[in-house]
Amino acid sequence: MERVAGVLPRAKLLEGLARAGRDTVVLEVMLRDTFRWRGHRSRDRAPASATDPATPLLVVEEGSLRGMITFENLAEFIVVARQIAR
C-alpha cells in the first residue's frame, strides 16, 4: 500500500536548493508532519490545528490521498467565488 511520506512546498524546495544545491535530498527538506483531513463533505471541518499557511492540508478518504488544499488555493477559491456571486 502506498502512503504519503510528506509534501514539498516551494519554500522548502528553495531552502534545500540554497543549502545543498542540486544535491538536495527531498526526504531531508520536505514536510513530514502534514495535516490529514478525513472529511469529504462540505459540513466537515478542517482540523483547527491546520493553521500554518505553508503546510498543505491533505484530503484522505478510505486511506487514499484524494487531494491537497493549500491556503493559497483556498484564498483563490474565495476570490473567484465572490466574483461569481456578484
PDB file of N, CA and C in Angstrom:
ATOM      1  N   MET A   1       0.834  -1.179   0.000  1.00  0.00           N
ATOM      2  CA  MET A   1       0.000   0.000   0.000  1.00  0.00           C
ATOM      3  C   MET A   1       0.880   1.243   0.000  1.00  0.00           C
ATOM      4  N   GLU A   2       0.551   2.184  -0.853  1.00  0.00           N
ATOM      5  CA  GLU A   2       1.291   3.436  -0.916  1.00  0.00           C
ATOM      6  C   GLU A   2       0.860   4.337   0.228  1.00  0.00           C
ATOM      7  N   ARG A   3       1.768   5.182   0.657  1.00  0.00           N
ATOM      8  CA  ARG A   3       1.433   6.155   1.690  1.00  0.00           C
ATOM      9  C   ARG A   3       2.139   7.455   1.387  1.00  0.00           C
ATOM     10  N   VAL A   4       1.612   8.528   1.904  1.00  0.00           N
ATOM     11  CA  VAL A   4       2.204   9.845   1.713  1.00  0.00           C
ATOM     12  C   VAL A   4       3.327  10.006   2.727  1.00  0.00           C
ATOM     13  N   ALA A   5       4.521  10.292   2.235  1.00  0.00           N
ATOM     14  CA  ALA A   5       5.673  10.476   3.123  1.00  0.00           C
ATOM     15  C   ALA A   5       5.783  11.924   3.586  1.00  0.00           C
ATOM     16  N   GLY A   6       5.220  12.835   2.809  1.00  0.00           N
ATOM     17  CA  GLY A   6       5.279  14.252   3.141  1.00  0.00           C
ATOM     18  C   GLY A   6       4.982  15.080   1.913  1.00  0.00           C
ATOM     19  N   VAL A   7       5.168  16.376   2.039  1.00  0.00           N
ATOM     20  CA  VAL A   7       4.962  17.294   0.917  1.00  0.00           C
ATOM     21  C   VAL A   7       6.160  18.229   0.820  1.00  0.00           C
ATOM     22  N   LEU A   8       6.352  18.776  -0.354  1.00  0.00           N
ATOM     23  CA  LEU A   8       7.480  19.671  -0.585  1.00  0.00           C
ATOM     24  C   LEU A   8       6.975  21.011  -1.115  1.00  0.00           C
ATOM     25  N   PRO A   9       6.643  21.918  -0.199  1.00  0.00           N
ATOM     26  CA  PRO A   9       6.216  23.251  -0.640  1.00  0.00           C
ATOM     27  C   PRO A   9       7.382  24.000  -1.298  1.00  0.00           C
ATOM     28  N   ARG A  10       7.051  24.965  -2.113  1.00  0.00           N
ATOM     29  CA  ARG A  10       8.047  25.750  -2.843  1.00  0.00           C
ATOM     30  C   ARG A  10       9.113  26.319  -1.907  1.00  0.00           C
ATOM     31  N   ALA A  11       8.706  26.866  -0.771  1.00  0.00           N
ATOM     32  CA  ALA A  11       9.664  27.478   0.153  1.00  0.00           C
ATOM     33  C   ALA A  11      10.690  26.460   0.656  1.00  0.00           C
ATOM     34  N   LYS A  12      10.239  25.244   0.960  1.00  0.00           N
ATOM     35  CA  LYS A  12      11.158  24.200   1.426  1.00  0.00           C
ATOM     36  C   LYS A  12      12.085  23.752   0.300  1.00  0.00           C
ATOM     37  N   LEU A  13      11.569  23.681  -0.908  1.00  0.00           N
ATOM     38  CA  LEU A  13      12.389  23.330  -2.060  1.00  0.00           C
ATOM     39  C   LEU A  13      13.503  24.353  -2.251  1.00  0.00           C
ATOM     40  N   LEU A  14      13.138  25.629  -2.248  1.00  0.00           N
ATOM     41  CA  LEU A  14      14.135  26.688  -2.430  1.00  0.00           C
ATOM     42  C   LEU A  14      15.145  26.705  -1.297  1.00  0.00           C
ATOM     43  N   GLU A  15      14.673  26.474  -0.072  1.00  0.00           N
ATOM     44  CA  GLU A  15      15.562  26.409   1.087  1.00  0.00           C
ATOM     45  C   GLU A  15      16.580  25.276   0.912  1.00  0.00           C
ATOM     46  N   GLY A  16      16.123  24.117   0.502  1.00  0.00           N
ATOM     47  CA  GLY A  16      17.012  22.978   0.284  1.00  0.00           C
ATOM     48  C   GLY A  16      18.006  23.225  -0.831  1.00  0.00           C
ATOM     49  N   LEU A  17      17.545  23.826  -1.928  1.00  0.00           N
ATOM     50  CA  LEU A  17      18.440  24.129  -3.039  1.00  0.00           C
ATOM     51  C   LEU A  17      19.501  25.148  -2.645  1.00  0.00           C
ATOM     52  N   ALA A  18      19.111  26.142  -1.843  1.00  0.00           N
ATOM     53  CA  ALA A  18      20.069  27.153  -1.387  1.00  0.00           C
ATOM     54  C   ALA A  18      21.127  26.537  -0.483  1.00  0.00           C
ATOM     55  N   ARG A  19      20.726  25.552   0.282  1.00  0.00           N
ATOM     56  CA  ARG A  19      21.647  24.928   1.237  1.00  0.00           C
ATOM     57  C   ARG A  19      22.552  23.888   0.579  1.00  0.00           C
ATOM     58  N   ALA A  20      21.993  23.029  -0.263  1.00  0.00           N
ATOM     59  CA  ALA A  20      22.769  21.908  -0.799  1.00  0.00           C
ATOM     60  C   ALA A  20      22.833  21.869  -2.323  1.00  0.00           C
ATOM     61  N   GLY A  21      22.225  22.849  -2.982  1.00  0.00           N
ATOM     62  CA  GLY A  21      22.262  22.868  -4.439  1.00  0.00           C
ATOM     63  C   GLY A  21      21.541  21.680  -5.049  1.00  0.00           C
ATOM     64  N   ARG A  22      22.049  21.231  -6.164  1.00  0.00           N
ATOM     65  CA  ARG A  22      21.408  20.125  -6.893  1.00  0.00           C
ATOM     66  C   ARG A  22      21.495  18.802  -6.160  1.00  0.00           C
ATOM     67  N   ASP A  23      22.294  18.745  -5.116  1.00  0.00           N
ATOM     68  CA  ASP A  23      22.431  17.509  -4.340  1.00  0.00           C
ATOM     69  C   ASP A  23      21.400  17.412  -3.218  1.00  0.00           C
ATOM     70  N   THR A  24      20.439  18.313  -3.220  1.00  0.00           N
ATOM     71  CA  THR A  24      19.395  18.306  -2.192  1.00  0.00           C
ATOM     72  C   THR A  24      18.644  16.974  -2.197  1.00  0.00           C
ATOM     73  N   VAL A  25      18.474  16.412  -1.022  1.00  0.00           N
ATOM     74  CA  VAL A  25      17.713  15.171  -0.866  1.00  0.00           C
ATOM     75  C   VAL A  25      16.307  15.563  -0.416  1.00  0.00           C
ATOM     76  N   VAL A  26      15.316  15.232  -1.220  1.00  0.00           N
ATOM     77  CA  VAL A  26      13.933  15.626  -0.955  1.00  0.00           C
ATOM     78  C   VAL A  26      13.492  15.203   0.443  1.00  0.00           C
ATOM     79  N   LEU A  27      13.795  13.981   0.833  1.00  0.00           N
ATOM     80  CA  LEU A  27      13.372  13.480   2.143  1.00  0.00           C
ATOM     81  C   LEU A  27      13.905  14.326   3.296  1.00  0.00           C
ATOM     82  N   GLU A  28      15.011  15.033   3.069  1.00  0.00           N
ATOM     83  CA  GLU A  28      15.603  15.844   4.124  1.00  0.00           C
ATOM     84  C   GLU A  28      14.969  17.223   4.252  1.00  0.00           C
ATOM     85  N   VAL A  29      14.323  17.706   3.202  1.00  0.00           N
ATOM     86  CA  VAL A  29      13.764  19.062   3.253  1.00  0.00           C
ATOM     87  C   VAL A  29      12.232  19.109   3.246  1.00  0.00           C
ATOM     88  N   MET A  30      11.590  18.015   2.885  1.00  0.00           N
ATOM     89  CA  MET A  30      10.122  18.025   2.813  1.00  0.00           C
ATOM     90  C   MET A  30       9.490  18.085   4.202  1.00  0.00           C
ATOM     91  N   LEU A  31       8.245  18.486   4.230  1.00  0.00           N
ATOM     92  CA  LEU A  31       7.476  18.498   5.472  1.00  0.00           C
ATOM     93  C   LEU A  31       6.872  17.121   5.670  1.00  0.00           C
ATOM     94  N   ARG A  32       7.190  16.516   6.773  1.00  0.00           N
ATOM     95  CA  ARG A  32       6.652  15.181   7.060  1.00  0.00           C
ATOM     96  C   ARG A  32       5.408  15.243   7.938  1.00  0.00           C
ATOM     97  N   ASP A  33       5.313  16.273   8.761  1.00  0.00           N
ATOM     98  CA  ASP A  33       4.164  16.422   9.661  1.00  0.00           C
ATOM     99  C   ASP A  33       3.082  17.226   8.962  1.00  0.00           C
ATOM    100  N   THR A  34       2.353  16.569   8.090  1.00  0.00           N
ATOM    101  CA  THR A  34       1.283  17.235   7.359  1.00  0.00           C
ATOM    102  C   THR A  34      -0.052  16.915   8.016  1.00  0.00           C
ATOM    103  N   PHE A  35      -1.004  17.790   7.810  1.00  0.00           N
ATOM    104  CA  PHE A  35      -2.336  17.586   8.357  1.00  0.00           C
ATOM    105  C   PHE A  35      -3.146  16.751   7.382  1.00  0.00           C
ATOM    106  N   ARG A  36      -3.783  15.750   7.900  1.00  0.00           N
ATOM    107  CA  ARG A  36      -4.628  14.896   7.076  1.00  0.00           C
ATOM    108  C   ARG A  36      -6.082  15.112   7.476  1.00  0.00           C
ATOM    109  N   TRP A  37      -6.881  15.432   6.489  1.00  0.00           N
ATOM    110  CA  TRP A  37      -8.299  15.705   6.722  1.00  0.00           C
ATOM    111  C   TRP A  37      -9.097  14.564   6.136  1.00  0.00           C
ATOM    112  N   ARG A  38      -9.849  13.915   6.975  1.00  0.00           N
ATOM    113  CA  ARG A  38     -10.628  12.781   6.510  1.00  0.00           C
ATOM    114  C   ARG A  38     -12.053  13.182   6.124  1.00  0.00           C
ATOM    115  N   GLY A  39     -12.328  14.474   6.199  1.00  0.00           N
ATOM    116  CA  GLY A  39     -13.651  14.955   5.814  1.00  0.00           C
ATOM    117  C   GLY A  39     -13.769  15.048   4.310  1.00  0.00           C
ATOM    118  N   HIS A  40     -14.904  14.713   3.808  1.00  0.00           N
ATOM    119  CA  HIS A  40     -15.120  14.834   2.371  1.00  0.00           C
ATOM    120  C   HIS A  40     -16.451  15.502   2.047  1.00  0.00           C
ATOM    121  N   ARG A  41     -17.159  15.892   3.061  1.00  0.00           N
ATOM    122  CA  ARG A  41     -18.422  16.583   2.842  1.00  0.00           C
ATOM    123  C   ARG A  41     -18.245  18.039   3.244  1.00  0.00           C
ATOM    124  N   SER A  42     -19.024  18.923   2.667  1.00  0.00           N
ATOM    125  CA  SER A  42     -18.866  20.353   2.913  1.00  0.00           C
ATOM    126  C   SER A  42     -19.075  20.715   4.380  1.00  0.00           C
ATOM    127  N   ARG A  43     -19.858  19.929   5.111  1.00  0.00           N
ATOM    128  CA  ARG A  43     -20.103  20.288   6.511  1.00  0.00           C
ATOM    129  C   ARG A  43     -18.957  19.852   7.427  1.00  0.00           C
ATOM    130  N   ASP A  44     -18.080  18.981   6.942  1.00  0.00           N
ATOM    131  CA  ASP A  44     -16.925  18.573   7.737  1.00  0.00           C
ATOM    132  C   ASP A  44     -15.943  19.729   7.818  1.00  0.00           C
ATOM    133  N   ARG A  45     -15.315  19.865   8.956  1.00  0.00           N
ATOM    134  CA  ARG A  45     -14.381  20.969   9.145  1.00  0.00           C
ATOM    135  C   ARG A  45     -12.949  20.483   9.129  1.00  0.00           C
ATOM    136  N   ALA A  46     -12.094  21.336   8.610  1.00  0.00           N
ATOM    137  CA  ALA A  46     -10.665  21.029   8.644  1.00  0.00           C
ATOM    138  C   ALA A  46     -10.201  21.114  10.087  1.00  0.00           C
ATOM    139  N   PRO A  47      -9.131  20.415  10.425  1.00  0.00           N
ATOM    140  CA  PRO A  47      -8.643  20.458  11.802  1.00  0.00           C
ATOM    141  C   PRO A  47      -8.260  21.868  12.225  1.00  0.00           C
ATOM    142  N   ALA A  48      -8.596  22.223  13.451  1.00  0.00           N
ATOM    143  CA  ALA A  48      -8.267  23.557  13.970  1.00  0.00           C
ATOM    144  C   ALA A  48      -6.762  23.765  14.022  1.00  0.00           C
ATOM    145  N   SER A  49      -6.008  22.691  14.109  1.00  0.00           N
ATOM    146  CA  SER A  49      -4.555  22.796  14.198  1.00  0.00           C
ATOM    147  C   SER A  49      -3.908  23.113  12.849  1.00  0.00           C
ATOM    148  N   ALA A  50      -4.676  23.106  11.775  1.00  0.00           N
ATOM    149  CA  ALA A  50      -4.132  23.387  10.447  1.00  0.00           C
ATOM    150  C   ALA A  50      -4.067  24.889  10.230  1.00  0.00           C
ATOM    151  N   THR A  51      -3.136  25.534  10.888  1.00  0.00           N
ATOM    152  CA  THR A  51      -3.073  26.994  10.844  1.00  0.00           C
ATOM    153  C   THR A  51      -1.829  27.532  10.170  1.00  0.00           C
ATOM    154  N   ASP A  52      -0.862  26.709   9.848  1.00  0.00           N
ATOM    155  CA  ASP A  52       0.361  27.181   9.209  1.00  0.00           C
ATOM    156  C   ASP A  52       0.111  27.306   7.708  1.00  0.00           C
ATOM    157  N   PRO A  53       0.133  28.532   7.169  1.00  0.00           N
ATOM    158  CA  PRO A  53      -0.158  28.717   5.746  1.00  0.00           C
ATOM    159  C   PRO A  53       0.803  27.973   4.822  1.00  0.00           C
ATOM    160  N   ALA A  54       1.974  27.618   5.309  1.00  0.00           N
ATOM    161  CA  ALA A  54       2.945  26.924   4.468  1.00  0.00           C
ATOM    162  C   ALA A  54       2.686  25.430   4.391  1.00  0.00           C
ATOM    163  N   THR A  55       1.842  24.920   5.273  1.00  0.00           N
ATOM    164  CA  THR A  55       1.606  23.480   5.324  1.00  0.00           C
ATOM    165  C   THR A  55       0.296  23.129   4.644  1.00  0.00           C
ATOM    166  N   PRO A  56       0.352  22.356   3.572  1.00  0.00           N
ATOM    167  CA  PRO A  56      -0.883  21.950   2.897  1.00  0.00           C
ATOM    168  C   PRO A  56      -1.718  21.013   3.761  1.00  0.00           C
ATOM    169  N   LEU A  57      -2.985  20.964   3.461  1.00  0.00           N
ATOM    170  CA  LEU A  57      -3.915  20.055   4.122  1.00  0.00           C
ATOM    171  C   LEU A  57      -4.183  18.919   3.142  1.00  0.00           C
ATOM    172  N   LEU A  58      -3.834  17.703   3.533  1.00  0.00           N
ATOM    173  CA  LEU A  58      -4.041  16.550   2.665  1.00  0.00           C
ATOM    174  C   LEU A  58      -5.426  15.978   2.919  1.00  0.00           C
ATOM    175  N   VAL A  59      -6.163  15.731   1.857  1.00  0.00           N
ATOM    176  CA  VAL A  59      -7.510  15.167   1.959  1.00  0.00           C
ATOM    177  C   VAL A  59      -7.394  13.662   1.726  1.00  0.00           C
ATOM    178  N   VAL A  60      -7.736  12.894   2.761  1.00  0.00           N
ATOM    179  CA  VAL A  60      -7.612  11.441   2.710  1.00  0.00           C
ATOM    180  C   VAL A  60      -8.991  10.817   2.853  1.00  0.00           C
ATOM    181  N   GLU A  61      -9.294   9.863   1.992  1.00  0.00           N
ATOM    182  CA  GLU A  61     -10.568   9.162   2.051  1.00  0.00           C
ATOM    183  C   GLU A  61     -10.298   7.671   1.904  1.00  0.00           C
ATOM    184  N   GLU A  62     -10.779   6.904   2.860  1.00  0.00           N
ATOM    185  CA  GLU A  62     -10.596   5.456   2.856  1.00  0.00           C
ATOM    186  C   GLU A  62      -9.124   5.070   2.687  1.00  0.00           C
ATOM    187  N   GLY A  63      -8.251   5.826   3.340  1.00  0.00           N
ATOM    188  CA  GLY A  63      -6.824   5.520   3.320  1.00  0.00           C
ATOM    189  C   GLY A  63      -6.079   5.974   2.083  1.00  0.00           C
ATOM    190  N   SER A  64      -6.780   6.593   1.122  1.00  0.00           N
ATOM    191  CA  SER A  64      -6.133   7.048  -0.107  1.00  0.00           C
ATOM    192  C   SER A  64      -6.119   8.566  -0.182  1.00  0.00           C
ATOM    193  N   LEU A  65      -5.031   9.096  -0.694  1.00  0.00           N
ATOM    194  CA  LEU A  65      -4.922  10.537  -0.889  1.00  0.00           C
ATOM    195  C   LEU A  65      -5.843  10.949  -2.024  1.00  0.00           C
ATOM    196  N   ARG A  66      -6.748  11.869  -1.748  1.00  0.00           N
ATOM    197  CA  ARG A  66      -7.702  12.334  -2.768  1.00  0.00           C
ATOM    198  C   ARG A  66      -7.347  13.715  -3.284  1.00  0.00           C
ATOM    199  N   GLY A  67      -6.574  14.476  -2.509  1.00  0.00           N
ATOM    200  CA  GLY A  67      -6.220  15.812  -2.948  1.00  0.00           C
ATOM    201  C   GLY A  67      -5.441  16.560  -1.900  1.00  0.00           C
ATOM    202  N   MET A  68      -5.154  17.799  -2.220  1.00  0.00           N
ATOM    203  CA  MET A  68      -4.387  18.647  -1.322  1.00  0.00           C
ATOM    204  C   MET A  68      -4.933  20.068  -1.420  1.00  0.00           C
ATOM    205  N   ILE A  69      -5.075  20.705  -0.291  1.00  0.00           N
ATOM    206  CA  ILE A  69      -5.566  22.079  -0.246  1.00  0.00           C
ATOM    207  C   ILE A  69      -4.498  22.927   0.428  1.00  0.00           C
ATOM    208  N   THR A  70      -4.173  24.051  -0.198  1.00  0.00           N
ATOM    209  CA  THR A  70      -3.253  24.996   0.419  1.00  0.00           C
ATOM    210  C   THR A  70      -4.027  26.269   0.753  1.00  0.00           C
ATOM    211  N   PHE A  71      -3.468  27.074   1.631  1.00  0.00           N
ATOM    212  CA  PHE A  71      -4.129  28.332   1.941  1.00  0.00           C
ATOM    213  C   PHE A  71      -4.193  29.219   0.702  1.00  0.00           C
ATOM    214  N   GLU A  72      -3.200  29.115  -0.162  1.00  0.00           N
ATOM    215  CA  GLU A  72      -3.213  29.874  -1.412  1.00  0.00           C
ATOM    216  C   GLU A  72      -4.376  29.431  -2.296  1.00  0.00           C
ATOM    217  N   ASN A  73      -4.598  28.105  -2.410  1.00  0.00           N
ATOM    218  CA  ASN A  73      -5.740  27.590  -3.182  1.00  0.00           C
ATOM    219  C   ASN A  73      -7.050  28.098  -2.615  1.00  0.00           C
ATOM    220  N   LEU A  74      -7.162  28.050  -1.295  1.00  0.00           N
ATOM    221  CA  LEU A  74      -8.384  28.476  -0.627  1.00  0.00           C
ATOM    222  C   LEU A  74      -8.649  29.966  -0.861  1.00  0.00           C
ATOM    223  N   ALA A  75      -7.608  30.779  -0.764  1.00  0.00           N
ATOM    224  CA  ALA A  75      -7.761  32.222  -1.000  1.00  0.00           C
ATOM    225  C   ALA A  75      -8.208  32.490  -2.434  1.00  0.00           C
ATOM    226  N   GLU A  76      -7.629  31.776  -3.390  1.00  0.00           N
ATOM    227  CA  GLU A  76      -8.033  31.934  -4.790  1.00  0.00           C
ATOM    228  C   GLU A  76      -9.488  31.532  -4.985  1.00  0.00           C
ATOM    229  N   PHE A  77      -9.899  30.442  -4.348  1.00  0.00           N
ATOM    230  CA  PHE A  77     -11.284  29.989  -4.444  1.00  0.00           C
ATOM    231  C   PHE A  77     -12.243  31.056  -3.918  1.00  0.00           C
ATOM    232  N   ILE A  78     -11.905  31.664  -2.796  1.00  0.00           N
ATOM    233  CA  ILE A  78     -12.756  32.690  -2.198  1.00  0.00           C
ATOM    234  C   ILE A  78     -12.886  33.886  -3.134  1.00  0.00           C
ATOM    235  N   VAL A  79     -11.779  34.316  -3.737  1.00  0.00           N
ATOM    236  CA  VAL A  79     -11.811  35.445  -4.672  1.00  0.00           C
ATOM    237  C   VAL A  79     -12.703  35.120  -5.859  1.00  0.00           C
ATOM    238  N   VAL A  80     -12.544  33.941  -6.429  1.00  0.00           N
ATOM    239  CA  VAL A  80     -13.349  33.553  -7.592  1.00  0.00           C
ATOM    240  C   VAL A  80     -14.825  33.428  -7.202  1.00  0.00           C
ATOM    241  N   ALA A  81     -15.110  32.814  -6.059  1.00  0.00           N
ATOM    242  CA  ALA A  81     -16.494  32.653  -5.616  1.00  0.00           C
ATOM    243  C   ALA A  81     -17.163  34.005  -5.396  1.00  0.00           C
ATOM    244  N   ARG A  82     -16.434  34.959  -4.860  1.00  0.00           N
ATOM    245  CA  ARG A  82     -17.001  36.305  -4.656  1.00  0.00           C
ATOM    246  C   ARG A  82     -17.301  36.998  -5.980  1.00  0.00           C
ATOM    247  N   GLN A  83     -16.414  36.805  -6.949  1.00  0.00           N
ATOM    248  CA  GLN A  83     -16.628  37.420  -8.259  1.00  0.00           C
ATOM    249  C   GLN A  83     -17.844  36.812  -8.958  1.00  0.00           C
ATOM    250  N   ILE A  84     -18.013  35.517  -8.836  1.00  0.00           N
ATOM    251  CA  ILE A  84     -19.149  34.832  -9.455  1.00  0.00           C
ATOM    252  C   ILE A  84     -20.452  35.252  -8.782  1.00  0.00           C
ATOM    253  N   ALA A  85     -20.427  35.472  -7.487  1.00  0.00           N
ATOM    254  CA  ALA A  85     -21.631  35.819  -6.736  1.00  0.00           C
ATOM    255  C   ALA A  85     -22.121  37.234  -7.023  1.00  0.00           C
ATOM    256  N   ARG A  86     -21.315  38.056  -7.637  1.00  0.00           N
ATOM    257  CA  ARG A  86     -21.726  39.458  -7.903  1.00  0.00           C
ATOM    258  C   ARG A  86     -22.764  39.551  -8.978  1.00  0.00           C
TER     259      ARG A  86
END
